[in-house]
Amino acid sequence: MTNPNEGFLVFHASSTFPAAFGDPTIIVTARGSSTNRYIGEHFTLFRDSEPKMQPGILKVNGADVPQDFLVVDLKFILGEAFQFAMNGYREILRKAYPQTIELNLFRPPLEFVPIDRAHLAHLWMRNEFHVQLSAVEQSTQCNELRSFLGEVKHLPVITIS
């Protein structure tokens, strides 16, 4: 994170659930202000029958939380945005495979690992998630992510001959 008041992280997930959704990519952002107000965002990119994105936003007023109890900062907001993204993706899986859940046989061992932000450039160059990455660029409140995706969108798409 180059700006001390904002930043973003990228995670990639792998699991043993059916490959219908592929392995999702999660982008989380955090932005803080001098008045101790924070905004976190999450964008989960995954495949259903086509590429999809599940966005979300959270807001926290750090002044409402006693500092001796919990420190609300960018790290905290990034962690919370990531948790919301994971929960949202697990809900997608629960809805997609209700019979498996009902039988209590399906507990997706999702492992989310942080990866380099260059992963987003790789997705773009492989011609994956163009619409979704453009939507993230347009909607994010994180200037660092918006700027990065603006650069990514100028990269060429890999062609196979």
Protein backbone atom coordinates (compact mmCIF):
# COMPACT_ATOMS: atom_id res chain seq x y z
CA MET A 1 0.00 0.00 0.00
CA THR A 2 1.57 3.23 -1.12
CA ASN A 3 -1.01 5.59 0.41
CA PRO A 4 -1.12 5.37 4.23
CA ASN A 5 -4.87 6.17 4.20
CA GLU A 6 -5.97 3.45 1.78
CA GLY A 7 -4.97 0.23 0.14
CA PHE A 8 -6.09 -3.03 -1.34
CA LEU A 9 -5.19 -6.70 -1.23
CA VAL A 10 -5.91 -9.60 -3.59
CA PHE A 11 -6.64 -13.19 -2.55
CA HIS A 12 -7.11 -16.35 -4.55
CA ALA A 13 -9.10 -19.28 -3.24
CA SER A 14 -8.80 -22.95 -3.92
CA SER A 15 -11.03 -25.70 -2.66
CA THR A 16 -12.23 -29.20 -3.30
CA PHE A 17 -15.83 -28.22 -4.15
CA PRO A 18 -17.06 -28.94 -7.68
CA ALA A 19 -15.24 -26.88 -10.26
CA ALA A 20 -18.42 -25.25 -11.59
CA PHE A 21 -17.42 -21.97 -9.95
CA GLY A 22 -13.69 -22.22 -10.48
CA ASP A 23 -11.38 -20.72 -7.92
CA PRO A 24 -12.53 -17.23 -6.98
CA THR A 25 -10.43 -14.10 -6.72
CA ILE A 26 -11.23 -11.68 -3.91
CA ILE A 27 -10.21 -8.02 -3.92
CA VAL A 28 -10.57 -6.13 -0.63
CA THR A 29 -10.02 -2.43 -0.05
CA ALA A 30 -9.81 -0.14 2.93
CA ARG A 31 -9.91 3.62 3.09
CA GLY A 32 -9.65 5.79 6.17
CA SER A 33 -10.07 9.46 6.94
CA SER A 34 -8.58 11.86 9.45
CA THR A 35 -11.90 11.71 11.33
CA ASN A 36 -11.42 7.97 12.04
CA ARG A 37 -14.12 6.89 9.57
CA TYR A 38 -13.39 3.85 7.42
CA ILE A 39 -14.84 2.27 4.31
CA GLY A 40 -14.07 -1.29 3.28
CA GLU A 41 -15.03 -2.94 0.02
CA HIS A 42 -14.91 -6.45 -1.29
CA PHE A 43 -15.25 -7.75 -4.81
CA THR A 44 -15.43 -11.50 -5.39
CA LEU A 45 -14.80 -12.63 -8.97
CA PHE A 46 -16.01 -16.14 -9.79
CA ARG A 47 -17.46 -18.22 -12.58
CA ASP A 48 -20.96 -19.57 -12.70
CA SER A 49 -22.24 -20.22 -16.19
CA GLU A 50 -20.37 -16.99 -16.97
CA PRO A 51 -17.96 -14.67 -15.13
CA LYS A 52 -19.63 -12.91 -12.21
CA MET A 53 -18.78 -10.45 -9.46
CA GLN A 54 -20.23 -10.14 -5.98
CA PRO A 55 -19.48 -6.71 -4.47
CA GLY A 56 -19.99 -5.42 -0.97
CA ILE A 57 -19.21 -2.39 1.15
CA LEU A 58 -18.88 -1.79 4.88
CA LYS A 59 -18.54 1.39 6.90
CA VAL A 60 -17.13 1.79 10.39
CA ASN A 61 -16.78 4.86 12.55
CA GLY A 62 -13.67 4.10 14.57
CA ALA A 63 -14.63 6.79 17.09
CA ASP A 64 -17.57 4.59 18.15
CA VAL A 65 -15.22 1.78 19.23
CA PRO A 66 -13.22 2.18 22.46
CA GLN A 67 -9.53 2.07 21.48
CA ASP A 68 -8.60 0.10 24.59
CA PHE A 69 -11.02 -2.59 23.39
CA LEU A 70 -10.26 -2.75 19.65
CA VAL A 71 -8.11 -0.74 17.28
CA VAL A 72 -9.98 0.18 14.11
CA ASP A 73 -7.45 0.87 11.36
CA LEU A 74 -6.81 -0.09 7.74
CA LYS A 75 -5.61 -3.56 8.72
CA PHE A 76 -8.82 -4.17 10.69
CA ILE A 77 -11.01 -2.95 7.80
CA LEU A 78 -9.15 -5.09 5.24
CA GLY A 79 -9.66 -8.11 7.50
CA GLU A 80 -13.36 -7.42 7.95
CA ALA A 81 -13.90 -6.85 4.22
CA PHE A 82 -12.14 -10.15 3.55
CA GLN A 83 -14.34 -11.94 6.10
CA PHE A 84 -17.50 -10.53 4.50
CA ALA A 85 -16.26 -11.66 1.07
CA MET A 86 -15.55 -15.18 2.33
CA ASN A 87 -18.95 -15.42 3.99
CA GLY A 88 -20.67 -14.19 0.83
CA TYR A 89 -18.87 -16.72 -1.33
CA ARG A 90 -19.70 -19.55 1.06
CA GLU A 91 -23.36 -18.49 0.82
CA ILE A 92 -23.17 -18.73 -2.97
CA LEU A 93 -21.89 -22.29 -2.59
CA ARG A 94 -24.60 -23.17 -0.06
CA LYS A 95 -27.30 -21.98 -2.46
CA ALA A 96 -25.72 -23.78 -5.41
CA TYR A 97 -25.42 -27.11 -3.60
CA PRO A 98 -28.33 -27.23 -1.11
CA GLN A 99 -28.71 -31.02 -1.21
CA THR A 100 -25.11 -31.49 -0.22
CA ILE A 101 -25.46 -29.05 2.64
CA GLU A 102 -28.64 -30.75 3.85
CA LEU A 103 -26.84 -34.09 3.92
CA ASN A 104 -24.08 -32.44 5.95
CA LEU A 105 -21.50 -33.94 3.61
CA PHE A 106 -20.35 -30.72 2.04
CA ARG A 107 -18.07 -28.53 4.06
CA PRO A 108 -16.01 -26.67 1.49
CA PRO A 109 -12.46 -26.41 2.75
CA LEU A 110 -11.82 -23.05 1.19
CA GLU A 111 -8.29 -21.82 1.48
CA PHE A 112 -7.84 -18.15 0.63
CA VAL A 113 -4.25 -17.08 0.15
CA PRO A 114 -2.95 -13.56 -0.47
CA ILE A 115 -1.42 -13.17 -3.89
CA ASP A 116 0.31 -10.42 -5.80
CA ARG A 117 -1.93 -7.77 -7.32
CA ALA A 118 -0.39 -8.69 -10.67
CA HIS A 119 -2.92 -11.55 -10.66
CA LEU A 120 -5.50 -8.99 -11.79
CA ALA A 121 -3.28 -8.12 -14.76
CA HIS A 122 -2.99 -11.81 -15.61
CA LEU A 123 -6.78 -12.16 -15.56
CA TRP A 124 -7.09 -9.19 -17.90
CA MET A 125 -4.44 -10.44 -20.31
CA ARG A 126 -6.12 -13.88 -20.42
CA ASN A 127 -9.33 -12.06 -21.40
CA GLU A 128 -11.05 -13.08 -18.18
CA PHE A 129 -13.37 -10.86 -16.11
CA HIS A 130 -13.01 -7.77 -18.34
CA VAL A 131 -16.54 -6.57 -17.60
CA GLN A 132 -16.18 -7.25 -13.88
CA LEU A 133 -12.74 -5.64 -13.52
CA SER A 134 -14.04 -2.57 -15.39
CA ALA A 135 -17.00 -2.44 -12.98
CA VAL A 136 -14.61 -2.64 -10.01
CA GLU A 137 -12.57 0.21 -11.45
CA GLN A 138 -15.70 2.35 -11.89
CA SER A 139 -17.24 1.63 -8.50
CA THR A 140 -14.34 1.37 -6.05
CA GLN A 141 -13.73 4.17 -3.61
CA CYS A 142 -10.07 3.16 -3.35
CA ASN A 143 -8.01 5.47 -5.57
CA GLU A 144 -5.05 3.09 -5.50
CA LEU A 145 -7.15 0.21 -6.88
CA ARG A 146 -8.84 2.46 -9.45
CA SER A 147 -5.47 3.67 -10.69
CA PHE A 148 -4.02 0.16 -10.81
CA LEU A 149 -6.98 -1.21 -12.79
CA GLY A 150 -6.78 1.79 -15.12
CA GLU A 151 -3.24 0.68 -15.98
CA VAL A 152 -4.25 -2.98 -16.24
CA LYS A 153 -6.92 -2.13 -18.82
CA HIS A 154 -4.20 -0.89 -21.19
CA LEU A 155 -2.48 -4.27 -21.24
CA PRO A 156 -2.84 -6.40 -24.36
CA VAL A 157 -4.92 -9.56 -24.39
CA ILE A 158 -2.91 -12.70 -25.07
CA THR A 159 -3.87 -14.36 -28.32
CA ILE A 160 -3.21 -17.96 -29.21
CA SER A 161 -2.48 -18.85 -32.80
